[in-house]
Amino acid sequence: MTETRVYELRVAGRLDDRWAGWFDGLVLDASDDGTSRLTGPVQDQAQLHGILARLRDLGVPLISCQTLDR
């Protein structure tokens, strides 16, 4: 049985809003410090790995990946 968890992924660089639809409904926020944050529900590990693969394919360095307390 899997449980949907809310994740926050921080990446280096400022991702433009046009990429938001590419990340399975995660909310995309660009920060003033030159990083971006993707936040939202992830159904399971397969979906998380798909999101991470998309970041890899874009060449975007991952800074952190964590679950958020509910």
N, C-alpha and C. Protein backbone atom coordinates (compact mmCIF):
# COMPACT_ATOMS: atom_id res chain seq x y z
N MET A 1 0.84 -1.17 0.00
CA MET A 1 0.00 0.00 0.00
C MET A 1 0.89 1.25 0.00
N THR A 2 0.55 2.21 -0.81
CA THR A 2 1.33 3.44 -0.88
C THR A 2 0.52 4.59 -0.30
N GLU A 3 1.25 5.58 0.14
CA GLU A 3 0.60 6.76 0.71
C GLU A 3 1.13 8.00 -0.01
N THR A 4 0.22 8.85 -0.43
CA THR A 4 0.62 10.10 -1.06
C THR A 4 1.29 10.97 -0.02
N ARG A 5 2.45 11.51 -0.37
CA ARG A 5 3.19 12.39 0.53
C ARG A 5 3.44 13.71 -0.20
N VAL A 6 3.58 14.77 0.56
CA VAL A 6 3.89 16.08 0.00
C VAL A 6 5.41 16.24 0.01
N TYR A 7 5.96 16.55 -1.15
CA TYR A 7 7.41 16.72 -1.29
C TYR A 7 7.76 18.16 -1.63
N GLU A 8 8.98 18.53 -1.24
CA GLU A 8 9.58 19.80 -1.67
C GLU A 8 10.92 19.45 -2.30
N LEU A 9 11.07 19.81 -3.56
CA LEU A 9 12.33 19.60 -4.26
C LEU A 9 12.91 20.97 -4.57
N ARG A 10 14.15 21.19 -4.15
CA ARG A 10 14.84 22.46 -4.45
C ARG A 10 15.89 22.17 -5.51
N VAL A 11 15.95 23.04 -6.50
CA VAL A 11 16.90 22.87 -7.60
C VAL A 11 17.67 24.16 -7.83
N ALA A 12 18.85 24.03 -8.39
CA ALA A 12 19.65 25.19 -8.74
C ALA A 12 19.09 25.79 -10.02
N GLY A 13 19.02 27.10 -10.05
CA GLY A 13 18.52 27.79 -11.23
C GLY A 13 17.07 28.19 -11.07
N ARG A 14 16.66 29.14 -11.86
CA ARG A 14 15.29 29.64 -11.82
C ARG A 14 14.51 29.04 -12.98
N LEU A 15 13.64 28.09 -12.65
CA LEU A 15 12.80 27.48 -13.69
C LEU A 15 11.65 28.42 -14.01
N ASP A 16 11.44 28.63 -15.27
CA ASP A 16 10.34 29.47 -15.75
C ASP A 16 9.01 28.77 -15.51
N ASP A 17 7.94 29.54 -15.32
CA ASP A 17 6.60 28.99 -15.09
C ASP A 17 6.14 28.04 -16.20
N ARG A 18 6.68 28.19 -17.38
CA ARG A 18 6.25 27.33 -18.49
C ARG A 18 6.57 25.86 -18.25
N TRP A 19 7.47 25.56 -17.30
CA TRP A 19 7.82 24.18 -17.00
C TRP A 19 6.87 23.54 -15.99
N ALA A 20 6.01 24.32 -15.35
CA ALA A 20 5.15 23.81 -14.28
C ALA A 20 4.31 22.60 -14.71
N GLY A 21 3.77 22.61 -15.90
CA GLY A 21 2.95 21.52 -16.38
C GLY A 21 3.71 20.23 -16.61
N TRP A 22 5.01 20.30 -16.67
CA TRP A 22 5.86 19.15 -16.96
C TRP A 22 6.14 18.32 -15.71
N PHE A 23 5.78 18.85 -14.54
CA PHE A 23 6.14 18.20 -13.28
C PHE A 23 4.93 17.69 -12.50
N ASP A 24 4.01 17.02 -13.17
CA ASP A 24 2.90 16.30 -12.54
C ASP A 24 2.11 17.14 -11.54
N GLY A 25 1.86 18.39 -11.85
CA GLY A 25 1.02 19.23 -11.01
C GLY A 25 1.70 19.84 -9.80
N LEU A 26 3.01 19.69 -9.68
CA LEU A 26 3.71 20.33 -8.57
C LEU A 26 3.71 21.85 -8.77
N VAL A 27 3.68 22.59 -7.68
CA VAL A 27 3.72 24.05 -7.74
C VAL A 27 5.17 24.48 -7.89
N LEU A 28 5.44 25.35 -8.83
CA LEU A 28 6.79 25.82 -9.12
C LEU A 28 6.94 27.25 -8.63
N ASP A 29 7.93 27.47 -7.75
CA ASP A 29 8.24 28.81 -7.24
C ASP A 29 9.71 29.10 -7.47
N ALA A 30 10.02 30.20 -8.15
CA ALA A 30 11.39 30.65 -8.33
C ALA A 30 11.73 31.61 -7.20
N SER A 31 12.89 31.41 -6.56
CA SER A 31 13.32 32.24 -5.45
C SER A 31 14.32 33.29 -5.91
N ASP A 32 14.44 34.34 -5.11
CA ASP A 32 15.39 35.41 -5.42
C ASP A 32 16.84 34.95 -5.30
N ASP A 33 17.07 33.84 -4.60
CA ASP A 33 18.45 33.37 -4.42
C ASP A 33 18.96 32.54 -5.60
N GLY A 34 18.19 32.48 -6.67
CA GLY A 34 18.63 31.76 -7.87
C GLY A 34 18.28 30.28 -7.86
N THR A 35 17.40 29.87 -6.95
CA THR A 35 16.95 28.49 -6.92
C THR A 35 15.45 28.44 -7.21
N SER A 36 14.95 27.25 -7.44
CA SER A 36 13.52 27.04 -7.63
C SER A 36 13.06 25.93 -6.72
N ARG A 37 11.77 25.96 -6.37
CA ARG A 37 11.20 24.95 -5.49
C ARG A 37 9.97 24.36 -6.17
N LEU A 38 9.91 23.05 -6.17
CA LEU A 38 8.75 22.30 -6.66
C LEU A 38 8.11 21.65 -5.45
N THR A 39 6.83 21.93 -5.22
CA THR A 39 6.15 21.42 -4.03
C THR A 39 4.80 20.84 -4.41
N GLY A 40 4.46 19.72 -3.79
CA GLY A 40 3.14 19.15 -4.00
C GLY A 40 3.09 17.67 -3.70
N PRO A 41 1.90 17.10 -3.88
CA PRO A 41 1.71 15.68 -3.57
C PRO A 41 2.35 14.77 -4.62
N VAL A 42 2.96 13.70 -4.11
CA VAL A 42 3.56 12.67 -4.96
C VAL A 42 2.96 11.34 -4.52
N GLN A 43 2.36 10.62 -5.44
CA GLN A 43 1.60 9.40 -5.14
C GLN A 43 2.47 8.25 -4.63
N ASP A 44 3.65 8.08 -5.25
CA ASP A 44 4.48 6.93 -4.89
C ASP A 44 5.90 7.17 -5.38
N GLN A 45 6.77 6.20 -5.10
CA GLN A 45 8.18 6.32 -5.48
C GLN A 45 8.36 6.36 -7.00
N ALA A 46 7.51 5.66 -7.74
CA ALA A 46 7.62 5.69 -9.20
C ALA A 46 7.38 7.09 -9.73
N GLN A 47 6.39 7.79 -9.20
CA GLN A 47 6.14 9.16 -9.63
C GLN A 47 7.30 10.07 -9.24
N LEU A 48 7.82 9.90 -8.02
CA LEU A 48 8.97 10.70 -7.58
C LEU A 48 10.17 10.50 -8.51
N HIS A 49 10.44 9.26 -8.85
CA HIS A 49 11.57 8.98 -9.75
C HIS A 49 11.34 9.57 -11.14
N GLY A 50 10.10 9.59 -11.59
CA GLY A 50 9.79 10.23 -12.87
C GLY A 50 10.07 11.73 -12.85
N ILE A 51 9.71 12.38 -11.75
CA ILE A 51 9.98 13.82 -11.60
C ILE A 51 11.48 14.07 -11.56
N LEU A 52 12.20 13.24 -10.80
CA LEU A 52 13.65 13.39 -10.72
C LEU A 52 14.31 13.15 -12.09
N ALA A 53 13.78 12.22 -12.86
CA ALA A 53 14.31 11.96 -14.20
C ALA A 53 14.10 13.16 -15.12
N ARG A 54 12.97 13.83 -14.98
CA ARG A 54 12.72 15.03 -15.80
C ARG A 54 13.71 16.14 -15.45
N LEU A 55 13.98 16.30 -14.16
CA LEU A 55 14.98 17.30 -13.75
C LEU A 55 16.34 16.94 -14.34
N ARG A 56 16.70 15.67 -14.28
CA ARG A 56 17.96 15.20 -14.85
C ARG A 56 18.01 15.48 -16.35
N ASP A 57 16.92 15.19 -17.04
CA ASP A 57 16.87 15.39 -18.49
C ASP A 57 17.03 16.87 -18.87
N LEU A 58 16.56 17.75 -17.99
CA LEU A 58 16.73 19.19 -18.22
C LEU A 58 18.13 19.68 -17.84
N GLY A 59 18.89 18.84 -17.15
CA GLY A 59 20.22 19.24 -16.70
C GLY A 59 20.17 20.17 -15.49
N VAL A 60 19.08 20.08 -14.71
CA VAL A 60 18.91 20.95 -13.54
C VAL A 60 19.47 20.25 -12.31
N PRO A 61 20.47 20.84 -11.63
CA PRO A 61 21.03 20.21 -10.43
C PRO A 61 20.03 20.21 -9.27
N LEU A 62 19.88 19.05 -8.65
CA LEU A 62 19.01 18.89 -7.48
C LEU A 62 19.78 19.32 -6.24
N ILE A 63 19.20 20.20 -5.45
CA ILE A 63 19.81 20.64 -4.20
C ILE A 63 19.30 19.79 -3.03
N SER A 64 17.98 19.60 -2.97
CA SER A 64 17.42 18.80 -1.89
C SER A 64 16.07 18.22 -2.31
N CYS A 65 15.70 17.15 -1.62
CA CYS A 65 14.40 16.49 -1.81
C CYS A 65 13.95 16.02 -0.44
N GLN A 66 12.82 16.56 0.00
CA GLN A 66 12.34 16.18 1.33
C GLN A 66 10.83 16.12 1.37
N THR A 67 10.32 15.33 2.32
CA THR A 67 8.89 15.30 2.54
C THR A 67 8.56 16.39 3.55
N LEU A 68 7.37 16.95 3.42
CA LEU A 68 6.92 18.00 4.33
C LEU A 68 5.92 17.43 5.32
N ASP A 69 5.99 17.88 6.54
CA ASP A 69 5.03 17.45 7.56
C ASP A 69 3.65 17.93 7.16
N ARG A 70 2.66 17.18 7.47
CA ARG A 70 1.29 17.55 7.12
C ARG A 70 0.70 18.42 8.18
